[in-house]
Amino acid sequence: MKQLITSLLLLISCSIFAQEIAVLKYKGGGDWYGNPTALPNLIQFCNTNINTKINEKPETVEAGSIDIFQYAFIHMTGHGNVYFSDADAENLRNYLLSGGFLHIDDNYGMKPYVTEALKTVFPNTDMIELPANHPIFNTVYNFPEGLPKIHEHDGKRPQAFGIFQENRLVVLFTVESDLGDGWEDEVIHNDPPEVREKALKMGANIIKYAFEH
């Protein structure tokens, strides 16, 4: 209870700051630092196209740190294992219940680890797949078929899963899409301009939705 009160007070004190974004550093050995150019490029796209004023250099924050409450939007990615200690899970839960938003973009191979790790954050809540008509798919740019496919791996369709608390989407988990790869510098994956634009537009939708809900 004491930690929750402290976290809430910190969130209130940080509300005077502009809405900002950070990369989540987690334990378990997974490459939380993957796609280093992705988020800066997405931020630049959002600041240019949807009138956000996000710091162009995203910070890094650890799952168990109270610094997480300074950020309206936390981004998480990687390929491998994810582990949240009890303290990490409690801190993340308090952050999300207090109005924060976590976007997890599977850079391929994260799903079993993320599913297990999120159970430590919300033990009694399952992820559910978002339908194509969910508002996150048309907040700014329209994606009538839902989450777009950016990179192909196993021929599986892209899926967006969510965790809701009191009807508010607090966690978005994007799978079989590789949005982050599409946000990266063009020379890294040599994606055609239209593919990168599609990824960036979907990312802008996610940020816009998170900031407004």
N, C-alpha and C. Protein backbone atom coordinates (compact mmCIF):
# COMPACT_ATOMS: atom_id res chain seq x y z
N MET A 1 0.83 -1.20 0.00
CA MET A 1 0.00 0.00 0.00
C MET A 1 0.87 1.26 0.00
N LYS A 2 1.95 1.22 0.82
CA LYS A 2 2.84 2.38 0.89
C LYS A 2 3.45 2.68 -0.46
N GLN A 3 3.88 1.60 -1.17
CA GLN A 3 4.48 1.80 -2.49
C GLN A 3 3.46 2.35 -3.48
N LEU A 4 2.21 1.88 -3.38
CA LEU A 4 1.17 2.37 -4.28
C LEU A 4 0.93 3.85 -4.07
N ILE A 5 0.83 4.28 -2.79
CA ILE A 5 0.62 5.69 -2.48
C ILE A 5 1.78 6.53 -3.00
N THR A 6 3.00 6.03 -2.78
CA THR A 6 4.17 6.74 -3.26
C THR A 6 4.14 6.88 -4.78
N SER A 7 3.77 5.79 -5.45
CA SER A 7 3.72 5.80 -6.91
C SER A 7 2.66 6.77 -7.42
N LEU A 8 1.50 6.80 -6.76
CA LEU A 8 0.43 7.70 -7.18
C LEU A 8 0.84 9.16 -6.99
N LEU A 9 1.48 9.44 -5.86
CA LEU A 9 1.94 10.80 -5.61
C LEU A 9 2.98 11.22 -6.63
N LEU A 10 3.86 10.28 -6.98
CA LEU A 10 4.87 10.59 -7.98
C LEU A 10 4.23 10.84 -9.33
N LEU A 11 3.23 10.06 -9.68
CA LEU A 11 2.54 10.25 -10.96
C LEU A 11 1.89 11.63 -11.02
N ILE A 12 1.26 12.02 -9.91
CA ILE A 12 0.63 13.34 -9.86
C ILE A 12 1.67 14.44 -10.01
N SER A 13 2.80 14.26 -9.32
CA SER A 13 3.85 15.27 -9.39
C SER A 13 4.45 15.37 -10.77
N CYS A 14 4.41 14.27 -11.53
CA CYS A 14 4.99 14.26 -12.88
C CYS A 14 4.01 14.70 -13.95
N SER A 15 2.76 14.95 -13.55
CA SER A 15 1.74 15.27 -14.53
C SER A 15 1.98 16.63 -15.18
N ILE A 16 2.86 17.46 -14.58
CA ILE A 16 3.15 18.76 -15.16
C ILE A 16 4.08 18.61 -16.37
N PHE A 17 4.71 17.47 -16.51
CA PHE A 17 5.63 17.26 -17.62
C PHE A 17 4.87 16.89 -18.90
N ALA A 18 5.51 17.18 -20.05
CA ALA A 18 4.92 16.77 -21.32
C ALA A 18 4.88 15.25 -21.39
N GLN A 19 3.98 14.74 -22.20
CA GLN A 19 3.88 13.29 -22.36
C GLN A 19 5.14 12.78 -23.03
N GLU A 20 5.78 11.81 -22.37
CA GLU A 20 7.07 11.32 -22.84
C GLU A 20 7.05 9.81 -22.99
N ILE A 21 8.11 9.30 -23.64
CA ILE A 21 8.22 7.88 -23.96
C ILE A 21 9.55 7.35 -23.46
N ALA A 22 9.55 6.10 -23.01
CA ALA A 22 10.79 5.45 -22.59
C ALA A 22 10.79 4.00 -23.05
N VAL A 23 11.99 3.45 -23.18
CA VAL A 23 12.19 2.04 -23.49
C VAL A 23 12.29 1.28 -22.18
N LEU A 24 11.60 0.15 -22.09
CA LEU A 24 11.62 -0.64 -20.87
C LEU A 24 12.80 -1.60 -20.88
N LYS A 25 13.62 -1.52 -19.84
CA LYS A 25 14.72 -2.46 -19.63
C LYS A 25 14.25 -3.54 -18.67
N TYR A 26 14.27 -4.79 -19.12
CA TYR A 26 13.77 -5.88 -18.30
C TYR A 26 14.85 -6.93 -18.10
N LYS A 27 14.60 -7.81 -17.14
CA LYS A 27 15.55 -8.88 -16.83
C LYS A 27 15.21 -10.14 -17.63
N GLY A 28 16.07 -11.13 -17.55
CA GLY A 28 15.80 -12.41 -18.18
C GLY A 28 16.74 -12.76 -19.31
N GLY A 29 17.53 -11.79 -19.76
CA GLY A 29 18.49 -12.08 -20.81
C GLY A 29 18.05 -11.69 -22.19
N GLY A 30 16.79 -11.29 -22.36
CA GLY A 30 16.32 -10.88 -23.67
C GLY A 30 16.92 -9.55 -24.09
N ASP A 31 16.96 -9.30 -25.39
CA ASP A 31 17.59 -8.07 -25.90
C ASP A 31 16.61 -6.91 -25.89
N TRP A 32 16.40 -6.36 -24.70
CA TRP A 32 15.49 -5.24 -24.52
C TRP A 32 15.92 -4.03 -25.33
N TYR A 33 17.19 -3.99 -25.70
CA TYR A 33 17.79 -2.86 -26.41
C TYR A 33 17.67 -3.00 -27.93
N GLY A 34 16.92 -3.99 -28.42
CA GLY A 34 16.78 -4.21 -29.85
C GLY A 34 16.16 -3.03 -30.58
N ASN A 35 16.41 -2.96 -31.88
CA ASN A 35 15.86 -1.89 -32.74
C ASN A 35 16.15 -0.48 -32.20
N PRO A 36 17.42 -0.13 -32.03
CA PRO A 36 17.74 1.14 -31.37
C PRO A 36 17.30 2.39 -32.12
N THR A 37 17.14 2.30 -33.45
CA THR A 37 16.71 3.50 -34.19
C THR A 37 15.20 3.59 -34.33
N ALA A 38 14.48 2.56 -33.89
CA ALA A 38 13.04 2.50 -34.13
C ALA A 38 12.28 3.61 -33.42
N LEU A 39 12.42 3.70 -32.13
CA LEU A 39 11.62 4.65 -31.37
C LEU A 39 11.96 6.10 -31.71
N PRO A 40 13.25 6.47 -31.86
CA PRO A 40 13.52 7.84 -32.29
C PRO A 40 12.86 8.19 -33.62
N ASN A 41 12.85 7.25 -34.55
CA ASN A 41 12.21 7.53 -35.84
C ASN A 41 10.70 7.68 -35.69
N LEU A 42 10.10 6.85 -34.85
CA LEU A 42 8.66 6.95 -34.62
C LEU A 42 8.33 8.28 -33.95
N ILE A 43 9.12 8.68 -33.00
CA ILE A 43 8.88 9.95 -32.31
C ILE A 43 8.97 11.11 -33.30
N GLN A 44 9.99 11.07 -34.15
CA GLN A 44 10.12 12.13 -35.15
C GLN A 44 8.92 12.17 -36.08
N PHE A 45 8.44 10.99 -36.48
CA PHE A 45 7.26 10.92 -37.34
C PHE A 45 6.04 11.51 -36.64
N CYS A 46 5.86 11.16 -35.37
CA CYS A 46 4.71 11.67 -34.62
C CYS A 46 4.79 13.18 -34.42
N ASN A 47 5.96 13.67 -34.06
CA ASN A 47 6.11 15.11 -33.86
C ASN A 47 5.85 15.89 -35.14
N THR A 48 6.19 15.29 -36.27
CA THR A 48 6.01 15.96 -37.56
C THR A 48 4.57 15.86 -38.07
N ASN A 49 3.92 14.73 -37.80
CA ASN A 49 2.65 14.44 -38.47
C ASN A 49 1.41 14.49 -37.58
N ILE A 50 1.55 14.29 -36.29
CA ILE A 50 0.34 14.29 -35.45
C ILE A 50 0.45 15.28 -34.29
N ASN A 51 1.39 16.22 -34.43
CA ASN A 51 1.48 17.37 -33.51
C ASN A 51 1.83 16.99 -32.07
N THR A 52 2.55 15.90 -31.87
CA THR A 52 3.07 15.61 -30.55
C THR A 52 4.35 16.42 -30.34
N LYS A 53 4.77 16.51 -29.09
CA LYS A 53 6.00 17.23 -28.75
C LYS A 53 6.84 16.35 -27.81
N ILE A 54 7.11 15.15 -28.29
CA ILE A 54 7.83 14.16 -27.49
C ILE A 54 9.33 14.42 -27.62
N ASN A 55 10.04 14.25 -26.52
CA ASN A 55 11.50 14.33 -26.55
C ASN A 55 12.04 13.36 -27.59
N GLU A 56 12.86 13.86 -28.50
CA GLU A 56 13.31 13.03 -29.62
C GLU A 56 14.25 11.91 -29.20
N LYS A 57 14.82 12.01 -28.02
CA LYS A 57 15.71 10.95 -27.53
C LYS A 57 15.00 10.22 -26.39
N PRO A 58 14.42 9.05 -26.67
CA PRO A 58 13.73 8.33 -25.59
C PRO A 58 14.68 7.86 -24.50
N GLU A 59 14.22 7.90 -23.28
CA GLU A 59 15.01 7.43 -22.15
C GLU A 59 14.84 5.93 -21.98
N THR A 60 15.66 5.35 -21.13
CA THR A 60 15.54 3.94 -20.75
C THR A 60 15.15 3.87 -19.29
N VAL A 61 14.19 3.01 -18.97
CA VAL A 61 13.73 2.89 -17.59
C VAL A 61 13.61 1.42 -17.23
N GLU A 62 13.99 1.06 -16.02
CA GLU A 62 13.89 -0.31 -15.57
C GLU A 62 12.51 -0.60 -15.02
N ALA A 63 12.09 -1.86 -15.16
CA ALA A 63 10.73 -2.23 -14.78
C ALA A 63 10.42 -1.93 -13.32
N GLY A 64 11.41 -2.04 -12.46
CA GLY A 64 11.17 -1.85 -11.03
C GLY A 64 11.43 -0.46 -10.52
N SER A 65 11.77 0.47 -11.41
CA SER A 65 12.14 1.82 -11.00
C SER A 65 10.91 2.73 -10.89
N ILE A 66 10.92 3.61 -9.89
CA ILE A 66 9.83 4.58 -9.77
C ILE A 66 9.90 5.62 -10.88
N ASP A 67 11.03 5.68 -11.58
CA ASP A 67 11.15 6.62 -12.69
C ASP A 67 10.16 6.33 -13.80
N ILE A 68 9.63 5.11 -13.81
CA ILE A 68 8.67 4.73 -14.84
C ILE A 68 7.44 5.65 -14.84
N PHE A 69 7.15 6.23 -13.67
CA PHE A 69 5.96 7.07 -13.55
C PHE A 69 6.12 8.43 -14.22
N GLN A 70 7.29 8.71 -14.74
CA GLN A 70 7.51 9.96 -15.46
C GLN A 70 7.04 9.88 -16.91
N TYR A 71 6.70 8.67 -17.37
CA TYR A 71 6.45 8.47 -18.79
C TYR A 71 5.02 8.00 -19.04
N ALA A 72 4.38 8.64 -20.00
CA ALA A 72 3.01 8.25 -20.35
C ALA A 72 2.97 6.96 -21.15
N PHE A 73 4.09 6.64 -21.80
CA PHE A 73 4.13 5.52 -22.74
C PHE A 73 5.46 4.80 -22.57
N ILE A 74 5.39 3.49 -22.33
CA ILE A 74 6.58 2.66 -22.21
C ILE A 74 6.58 1.65 -23.36
N HIS A 75 7.70 1.57 -24.05
CA HIS A 75 7.84 0.65 -25.18
C HIS A 75 8.79 -0.48 -24.81
N MET A 76 8.44 -1.68 -25.21
CA MET A 76 9.23 -2.86 -24.87
C MET A 76 9.35 -3.74 -26.11
N THR A 77 10.56 -4.27 -26.35
CA THR A 77 10.75 -5.13 -27.51
C THR A 77 11.86 -6.14 -27.23
N GLY A 78 12.18 -6.97 -28.23
CA GLY A 78 13.23 -7.96 -28.09
C GLY A 78 12.87 -9.26 -28.77
N HIS A 79 13.74 -10.24 -28.59
CA HIS A 79 13.54 -11.56 -29.19
C HIS A 79 13.42 -12.67 -28.15
N GLY A 80 14.03 -12.49 -26.98
CA GLY A 80 14.20 -13.61 -26.07
C GLY A 80 13.43 -13.54 -24.78
N ASN A 81 14.06 -14.04 -23.73
CA ASN A 81 13.40 -14.22 -22.44
C ASN A 81 13.06 -12.89 -21.76
N VAL A 82 11.97 -12.89 -21.06
CA VAL A 82 11.52 -11.74 -20.27
C VAL A 82 11.22 -12.22 -18.86
N TYR A 83 11.72 -11.48 -17.87
CA TYR A 83 11.47 -11.86 -16.48
C TYR A 83 11.17 -10.61 -15.66
N PHE A 84 10.07 -10.66 -14.91
CA PHE A 84 9.74 -9.61 -13.96
C PHE A 84 9.79 -10.20 -12.55
N SER A 85 10.60 -9.62 -11.70
CA SER A 85 10.58 -10.01 -10.29
C SER A 85 9.27 -9.57 -9.66
N ASP A 86 9.03 -9.99 -8.45
CA ASP A 86 7.80 -9.56 -7.75
C ASP A 86 7.75 -8.04 -7.64
N ALA A 87 8.92 -7.43 -7.34
CA ALA A 87 8.97 -5.97 -7.22
C ALA A 87 8.72 -5.30 -8.57
N ASP A 88 9.30 -5.87 -9.64
CA ASP A 88 9.06 -5.34 -10.98
C ASP A 88 7.58 -5.39 -11.32
N ALA A 89 6.98 -6.55 -11.06
CA ALA A 89 5.58 -6.76 -11.41
C ALA A 89 4.68 -5.79 -10.64
N GLU A 90 4.96 -5.60 -9.37
CA GLU A 90 4.14 -4.68 -8.58
C GLU A 90 4.28 -3.25 -9.09
N ASN A 91 5.50 -2.87 -9.41
CA ASN A 91 5.73 -1.52 -9.90
C ASN A 91 5.05 -1.28 -11.24
N LEU A 92 5.15 -2.26 -12.14
CA LEU A 92 4.47 -2.15 -13.43
C LEU A 92 2.97 -2.10 -13.27
N ARG A 93 2.44 -2.94 -12.39
CA ARG A 93 1.00 -2.96 -12.15
C ARG A 93 0.53 -1.60 -11.63
N ASN A 94 1.24 -1.03 -10.67
CA ASN A 94 0.87 0.28 -10.13
C ASN A 94 0.94 1.35 -11.21
N TYR A 95 1.97 1.27 -12.03
CA TYR A 95 2.13 2.24 -13.13
C TYR A 95 0.95 2.16 -14.10
N LEU A 96 0.59 0.96 -14.48
CA LEU A 96 -0.49 0.78 -15.47
C LEU A 96 -1.84 1.15 -14.88
N LEU A 97 -2.07 0.80 -13.63
CA LEU A 97 -3.34 1.14 -12.99
C LEU A 97 -3.46 2.63 -12.72
N SER A 98 -2.32 3.30 -12.68
CA SER A 98 -2.32 4.74 -12.41
C SER A 98 -2.44 5.58 -13.66
N GLY A 99 -2.56 4.93 -14.82
CA GLY A 99 -2.74 5.67 -16.06
C GLY A 99 -1.68 5.46 -17.11
N GLY A 100 -0.67 4.63 -16.81
CA GLY A 100 0.40 4.38 -17.78
C GLY A 100 -0.03 3.41 -18.87
N PHE A 101 0.82 3.29 -19.87
CA PHE A 101 0.54 2.43 -21.03
C PHE A 101 1.81 1.71 -21.43
N LEU A 102 1.70 0.40 -21.67
CA LEU A 102 2.84 -0.41 -22.09
C LEU A 102 2.56 -1.01 -23.46
N HIS A 103 3.42 -0.72 -24.42
CA HIS A 103 3.36 -1.35 -25.74
C HIS A 103 4.52 -2.33 -25.87
N ILE A 104 4.21 -3.59 -26.11
CA ILE A 104 5.21 -4.63 -26.32
C ILE A 104 5.15 -5.03 -27.78
N ASP A 105 6.25 -4.84 -28.49
CA ASP A 105 6.31 -5.23 -29.89
C ASP A 105 7.22 -6.44 -30.02
N ASP A 106 6.64 -7.57 -30.36
CA ASP A 106 7.40 -8.82 -30.49
C ASP A 106 8.30 -8.72 -31.72
N ASN A 107 9.61 -8.72 -31.46
CA ASN A 107 10.57 -8.66 -32.55
C ASN A 107 10.90 -10.05 -33.06
N TYR A 108 10.04 -11.00 -32.68
CA TYR A 108 10.05 -12.40 -33.07
C TYR A 108 10.59 -13.28 -31.95
N GLY A 109 9.69 -14.10 -31.41
CA GLY A 109 10.07 -15.08 -30.41
C GLY A 109 9.76 -14.72 -28.97
N MET A 110 9.14 -13.57 -28.73
CA MET A 110 8.88 -13.13 -27.36
C MET A 110 7.61 -13.70 -26.75
N LYS A 111 6.68 -14.13 -27.58
CA LYS A 111 5.32 -14.37 -27.10
C LYS A 111 5.25 -15.30 -25.88
N PRO A 112 5.88 -16.48 -25.85
CA PRO A 112 5.73 -17.33 -24.67
C PRO A 112 6.29 -16.70 -23.40
N TYR A 113 7.36 -15.94 -23.54
CA TYR A 113 7.96 -15.30 -22.37
C TYR A 113 7.13 -14.12 -21.88
N VAL A 114 6.63 -13.34 -22.82
CA VAL A 114 5.80 -12.19 -22.45
C VAL A 114 4.51 -12.65 -21.79
N THR A 115 3.90 -13.69 -22.34
CA THR A 115 2.66 -14.21 -21.77
C THR A 115 2.85 -14.61 -20.33
N GLU A 116 3.94 -15.31 -20.05
CA GLU A 116 4.21 -15.74 -18.68
C GLU A 116 4.55 -14.56 -17.78
N ALA A 117 5.36 -13.63 -18.29
CA ALA A 117 5.77 -12.48 -17.47
C ALA A 117 4.58 -11.60 -17.12
N LEU A 118 3.66 -11.40 -18.05
CA LEU A 118 2.51 -10.55 -17.77
C LEU A 118 1.57 -11.17 -16.75
N LYS A 119 1.63 -12.48 -16.61
CA LYS A 119 0.81 -13.14 -15.59
C LYS A 119 1.27 -12.76 -14.18
N THR A 120 2.52 -12.35 -14.04
CA THR A 120 2.99 -11.88 -12.73
C THR A 120 2.51 -10.47 -12.45
N VAL A 121 2.19 -9.73 -13.52
CA VAL A 121 1.70 -8.35 -13.36
C VAL A 121 0.20 -8.35 -13.10
N PHE A 122 -0.54 -9.11 -13.91
CA PHE A 122 -1.99 -9.24 -13.75
C PHE A 122 -2.36 -10.72 -13.72
N PRO A 123 -2.24 -11.36 -12.56
CA PRO A 123 -2.43 -12.82 -12.48
C PRO A 123 -3.80 -13.31 -12.90
N ASN A 124 -4.81 -12.49 -12.75
CA ASN A 124 -6.18 -12.93 -13.01
C ASN A 124 -6.76 -12.36 -14.30
N THR A 125 -5.89 -11.84 -15.16
CA THR A 125 -6.35 -11.21 -16.39
C THR A 125 -5.64 -11.82 -17.58
N ASP A 126 -6.39 -12.23 -18.58
CA ASP A 126 -5.82 -12.79 -19.80
C ASP A 126 -5.76 -11.73 -20.89
N MET A 127 -4.78 -11.86 -21.78
CA MET A 127 -4.75 -11.02 -22.96
C MET A 127 -5.87 -11.44 -23.90
N ILE A 128 -6.49 -10.48 -24.53
CA ILE A 128 -7.51 -10.78 -25.53
C ILE A 128 -7.12 -10.11 -26.84
N GLU A 129 -7.50 -10.74 -27.95
CA GLU A 129 -7.15 -10.16 -29.23
C GLU A 129 -8.08 -8.99 -29.55
N LEU A 130 -7.50 -7.90 -30.01
CA LEU A 130 -8.29 -6.73 -30.37
C LEU A 130 -8.92 -6.94 -31.75
N PRO A 131 -10.20 -6.64 -31.89
CA PRO A 131 -10.84 -6.76 -33.20
C PRO A 131 -10.36 -5.64 -34.13
N ALA A 132 -10.54 -5.86 -35.41
CA ALA A 132 -10.06 -4.88 -36.40
C ALA A 132 -10.76 -3.54 -36.29
N ASN A 133 -11.94 -3.51 -35.64
CA ASN A 133 -12.67 -2.24 -35.50
C ASN A 133 -12.35 -1.53 -34.18
N HIS A 134 -11.32 -1.99 -33.46
CA HIS A 134 -10.94 -1.29 -32.23
C HIS A 134 -10.42 0.10 -32.60
N PRO A 135 -10.73 1.11 -31.80
CA PRO A 135 -10.34 2.49 -32.13
C PRO A 135 -8.84 2.70 -32.34
N ILE A 136 -8.00 1.85 -31.78
CA ILE A 136 -6.56 2.04 -31.94
C ILE A 136 -6.13 1.91 -33.40
N PHE A 137 -6.96 1.25 -34.20
CA PHE A 137 -6.63 1.06 -35.61
C PHE A 137 -7.14 2.18 -36.51
N ASN A 138 -7.80 3.18 -35.93
CA ASN A 138 -8.22 4.32 -36.76
C ASN A 138 -8.16 5.64 -35.98
N THR A 139 -7.32 5.69 -34.96
CA THR A 139 -7.21 6.90 -34.15
C THR A 139 -6.77 8.10 -34.99
N VAL A 140 -5.78 7.89 -35.85
CA VAL A 140 -5.34 8.92 -36.79
C VAL A 140 -5.41 8.38 -38.21
N TYR A 141 -4.76 7.25 -38.41
CA TYR A 141 -4.71 6.60 -39.72
C TYR A 141 -5.57 5.34 -39.69
N ASN A 142 -6.21 5.07 -40.79
CA ASN A 142 -7.19 3.99 -40.84
C ASN A 142 -6.55 2.68 -41.30
N PHE A 143 -6.70 1.65 -40.46
CA PHE A 143 -6.26 0.30 -40.80
C PHE A 143 -7.48 -0.62 -40.65
N PRO A 144 -8.30 -0.69 -41.70
CA PRO A 144 -9.58 -1.42 -41.60
C PRO A 144 -9.42 -2.91 -41.35
N GLU A 145 -8.26 -3.47 -41.65
CA GLU A 145 -8.04 -4.89 -41.39
C GLU A 145 -7.27 -5.14 -40.10
N GLY A 146 -7.05 -4.10 -39.31
CA GLY A 146 -6.34 -4.25 -38.05
C GLY A 146 -4.84 -4.11 -38.22
N LEU A 147 -4.10 -4.76 -37.36
CA LEU A 147 -2.65 -4.62 -37.32
C LEU A 147 -2.02 -4.99 -38.66
N PRO A 148 -1.17 -4.12 -39.21
CA PRO A 148 -0.56 -4.43 -40.51
C PRO A 148 0.62 -5.39 -40.38
N LYS A 149 0.90 -6.09 -41.45
CA LYS A 149 2.05 -6.98 -41.53
C LYS A 149 3.23 -6.20 -42.10
N ILE A 150 4.34 -6.17 -41.36
CA ILE A 150 5.52 -5.44 -41.82
C ILE A 150 6.60 -6.41 -42.30
N HIS A 151 6.92 -7.41 -41.49
CA HIS A 151 7.91 -8.42 -41.88
C HIS A 151 7.32 -9.81 -41.75
N GLU A 152 7.70 -10.68 -42.65
CA GLU A 152 7.21 -12.06 -42.66
C GLU A 152 8.19 -12.98 -41.94
N HIS A 153 7.65 -13.91 -41.15
CA HIS A 153 8.47 -14.91 -40.48
C HIS A 153 7.95 -16.31 -40.78
N ASP A 154 6.78 -16.61 -40.25
CA ASP A 154 6.25 -17.98 -40.34
C ASP A 154 4.94 -18.06 -41.10
N GLY A 155 4.60 -17.04 -41.82
CA GLY A 155 3.35 -17.06 -42.56
C GLY A 155 2.12 -16.87 -41.70
N LYS A 156 2.32 -16.42 -40.47
CA LYS A 156 1.19 -16.21 -39.56
C LYS A 156 0.66 -14.79 -39.69
N ARG A 157 -0.61 -14.63 -39.41
CA ARG A 157 -1.21 -13.30 -39.51
C ARG A 157 -0.80 -12.43 -38.32
N PRO A 158 -0.71 -11.14 -38.52
CA PRO A 158 -0.39 -10.24 -37.41
C PRO A 158 -1.56 -10.17 -36.43
N GLN A 159 -1.23 -10.08 -35.16
CA GLN A 159 -2.26 -10.00 -34.12
C GLN A 159 -1.89 -8.95 -33.08
N ALA A 160 -2.90 -8.27 -32.60
CA ALA A 160 -2.74 -7.30 -31.52
C ALA A 160 -3.54 -7.79 -30.31
N PHE A 161 -2.86 -8.01 -29.21
CA PHE A 161 -3.50 -8.47 -27.99
C PHE A 161 -3.47 -7.35 -26.95
N GLY A 162 -4.48 -7.33 -26.11
CA GLY A 162 -4.55 -6.30 -25.09
C GLY A 162 -4.90 -6.84 -23.72
N ILE A 163 -4.47 -6.09 -22.72
CA ILE A 163 -4.93 -6.31 -21.35
C ILE A 163 -5.70 -5.05 -20.95
N PHE A 164 -6.89 -5.26 -20.46
CA PHE A 164 -7.76 -4.16 -20.06
C PHE A 164 -7.94 -4.16 -18.55
N GLN A 165 -8.00 -2.96 -18.00
CA GLN A 165 -8.34 -2.77 -16.60
C GLN A 165 -9.41 -1.70 -16.52
N GLU A 166 -10.58 -2.09 -16.00
CA GLU A 166 -11.73 -1.18 -15.92
C GLU A 166 -12.02 -0.57 -17.30
N ASN A 167 -12.01 -1.43 -18.31
CA ASN A 167 -12.34 -1.07 -19.69
C ASN A 167 -11.31 -0.16 -20.36
N ARG A 168 -10.16 0.02 -19.71
CA ARG A 168 -9.09 0.82 -20.33
C ARG A 168 -7.99 -0.12 -20.78
N LEU A 169 -7.55 0.05 -22.03
CA LEU A 169 -6.43 -0.73 -22.55
C LEU A 169 -5.15 -0.24 -21.90
N VAL A 170 -4.47 -1.10 -21.17
CA VAL A 170 -3.25 -0.70 -20.47
C VAL A 170 -2.01 -1.36 -21.04
N VAL A 171 -2.17 -2.52 -21.69
CA VAL A 171 -1.06 -3.22 -22.33
C VAL A 171 -1.47 -3.59 -23.74
N LEU A 172 -0.63 -3.26 -24.71
CA LEU A 172 -0.82 -3.68 -26.10
C LEU A 172 0.37 -4.53 -26.50
N PHE A 173 0.08 -5.74 -26.97
CA PHE A 173 1.13 -6.67 -27.39
C PHE A 173 0.94 -6.97 -28.87
N THR A 174 1.85 -6.49 -29.72
CA THR A 174 1.75 -6.69 -31.15
C THR A 174 2.67 -7.83 -31.58
N VAL A 175 2.09 -8.81 -32.30
CA VAL A 175 2.77 -10.06 -32.62
C VAL A 175 2.68 -10.32 -34.13
N GLU A 176 3.73 -10.91 -34.68
CA GLU A 176 3.77 -11.29 -36.10
C GLU A 176 3.56 -10.09 -37.02
N SER A 177 4.03 -8.96 -36.57
CA SER A 177 3.93 -7.74 -37.37
C SER A 177 5.31 -7.12 -37.58
N ASP A 178 6.08 -7.02 -36.50
CA ASP A 178 7.41 -6.38 -36.52
C ASP A 178 7.32 -4.90 -36.84
N LEU A 179 6.45 -4.22 -36.12
CA LEU A 179 6.34 -2.78 -36.29
C LEU A 179 7.68 -2.09 -36.10
N GLY A 180 8.40 -2.51 -35.05
CA GLY A 180 9.67 -1.87 -34.73
C GLY A 180 10.68 -1.95 -35.85
N ASP A 181 10.70 -3.07 -36.58
CA ASP A 181 11.59 -3.19 -37.73
C ASP A 181 11.23 -2.16 -38.79
N GLY A 182 9.94 -1.92 -38.94
CA GLY A 182 9.50 -0.93 -39.91
C GLY A 182 9.81 0.50 -39.50
N TRP A 183 9.97 0.72 -38.19
CA TRP A 183 10.34 2.05 -37.71
C TRP A 183 11.83 2.33 -37.84
N GLU A 184 12.62 1.28 -37.95
CA GLU A 184 14.08 1.45 -37.97
C GLU A 184 14.53 2.25 -39.20
N ASP A 185 15.80 2.69 -39.15
CA ASP A 185 16.38 3.38 -40.30
C ASP A 185 16.23 2.53 -41.55
N GLU A 186 15.96 3.17 -42.66
CA GLU A 186 15.68 2.45 -43.90
C GLU A 186 16.80 1.51 -44.30
N VAL A 187 18.06 1.88 -44.05
CA VAL A 187 19.20 1.07 -44.50
C VAL A 187 19.32 -0.25 -43.74
N ILE A 188 18.66 -0.37 -42.60
CA ILE A 188 18.81 -1.57 -41.78
C ILE A 188 18.09 -2.76 -42.39
N HIS A 189 16.86 -2.55 -42.84
CA HIS A 189 16.07 -3.66 -43.39
C HIS A 189 15.73 -3.49 -44.87
N ASN A 190 16.06 -2.31 -45.42
CA ASN A 190 15.77 -2.03 -46.83
C ASN A 190 14.29 -2.20 -47.17
N ASP A 191 13.44 -1.82 -46.24
CA ASP A 191 12.00 -1.88 -46.51
C ASP A 191 11.61 -0.80 -47.51
N PRO A 192 10.67 -1.10 -48.39
CA PRO A 192 10.16 -0.08 -49.31
C PRO A 192 9.52 1.07 -48.51
N PRO A 193 9.52 2.27 -49.07
CA PRO A 193 8.95 3.43 -48.36
C PRO A 193 7.52 3.20 -47.90
N GLU A 194 6.71 2.51 -48.72
CA GLU A 194 5.31 2.32 -48.35
C GLU A 194 5.17 1.38 -47.15
N VAL A 195 6.11 0.45 -46.98
CA VAL A 195 6.07 -0.45 -45.83
C VAL A 195 6.47 0.30 -44.56
N ARG A 196 7.52 1.09 -44.65
CA ARG A 196 7.94 1.89 -43.50
C ARG A 196 6.84 2.87 -43.10
N GLU A 197 6.21 3.49 -44.09
CA GLU A 197 5.14 4.44 -43.80
C GLU A 197 3.98 3.75 -43.08
N LYS A 198 3.65 2.56 -43.53
CA LYS A 198 2.57 1.80 -42.89
C LYS A 198 2.90 1.52 -41.43
N ALA A 199 4.14 1.11 -41.17
CA ALA A 199 4.56 0.82 -39.80
C ALA A 199 4.53 2.08 -38.93
N LEU A 200 5.03 3.17 -39.48
CA LEU A 200 5.07 4.43 -38.73
C LEU A 200 3.66 4.96 -38.45
N LYS A 201 2.78 4.82 -39.40
CA LYS A 201 1.40 5.28 -39.19
C LYS A 201 0.71 4.47 -38.11
N MET A 202 0.93 3.16 -38.11
CA MET A 202 0.34 2.34 -37.04
C MET A 202 0.95 2.71 -35.70
N GLY A 203 2.24 2.96 -35.67
CA GLY A 203 2.88 3.41 -34.43
C GLY A 203 2.31 4.71 -33.93
N ALA A 204 2.06 5.62 -34.85
CA ALA A 204 1.46 6.91 -34.47
C ALA A 204 0.06 6.70 -33.89
N ASN A 205 -0.69 5.79 -34.46
CA ASN A 205 -2.00 5.46 -33.90
C ASN A 205 -1.88 5.00 -32.46
N ILE A 206 -0.90 4.13 -32.21
CA ILE A 206 -0.72 3.58 -30.86
C ILE A 206 -0.38 4.69 -29.87
N ILE A 207 0.54 5.56 -30.24
CA ILE A 207 0.93 6.64 -29.35
C ILE A 207 -0.22 7.61 -29.11
N LYS A 208 -0.90 7.98 -30.18
CA LYS A 208 -2.04 8.90 -30.05
C LYS A 208 -3.12 8.30 -29.14
N TYR A 209 -3.40 7.03 -29.34
CA TYR A 209 -4.42 6.36 -28.52
C TYR A 209 -3.98 6.33 -27.06
N ALA A 210 -2.73 5.96 -26.82
CA ALA A 210 -2.23 5.86 -25.44
C ALA A 210 -2.27 7.21 -24.74
N PHE A 211 -1.90 8.27 -25.44
CA PHE A 211 -1.88 9.60 -24.83
C PHE A 211 -3.29 10.10 -24.51
N GLU A 212 -4.26 9.64 -25.27
CA GLU A 212 -5.61 10.18 -25.10
C GLU A 212 -6.51 9.31 -24.24
N HIS A 213 -6.03 8.14 -23.85
CA HIS A 213 -6.84 7.25 -23.03
C HIS A 213 -6.11 6.93 -21.71
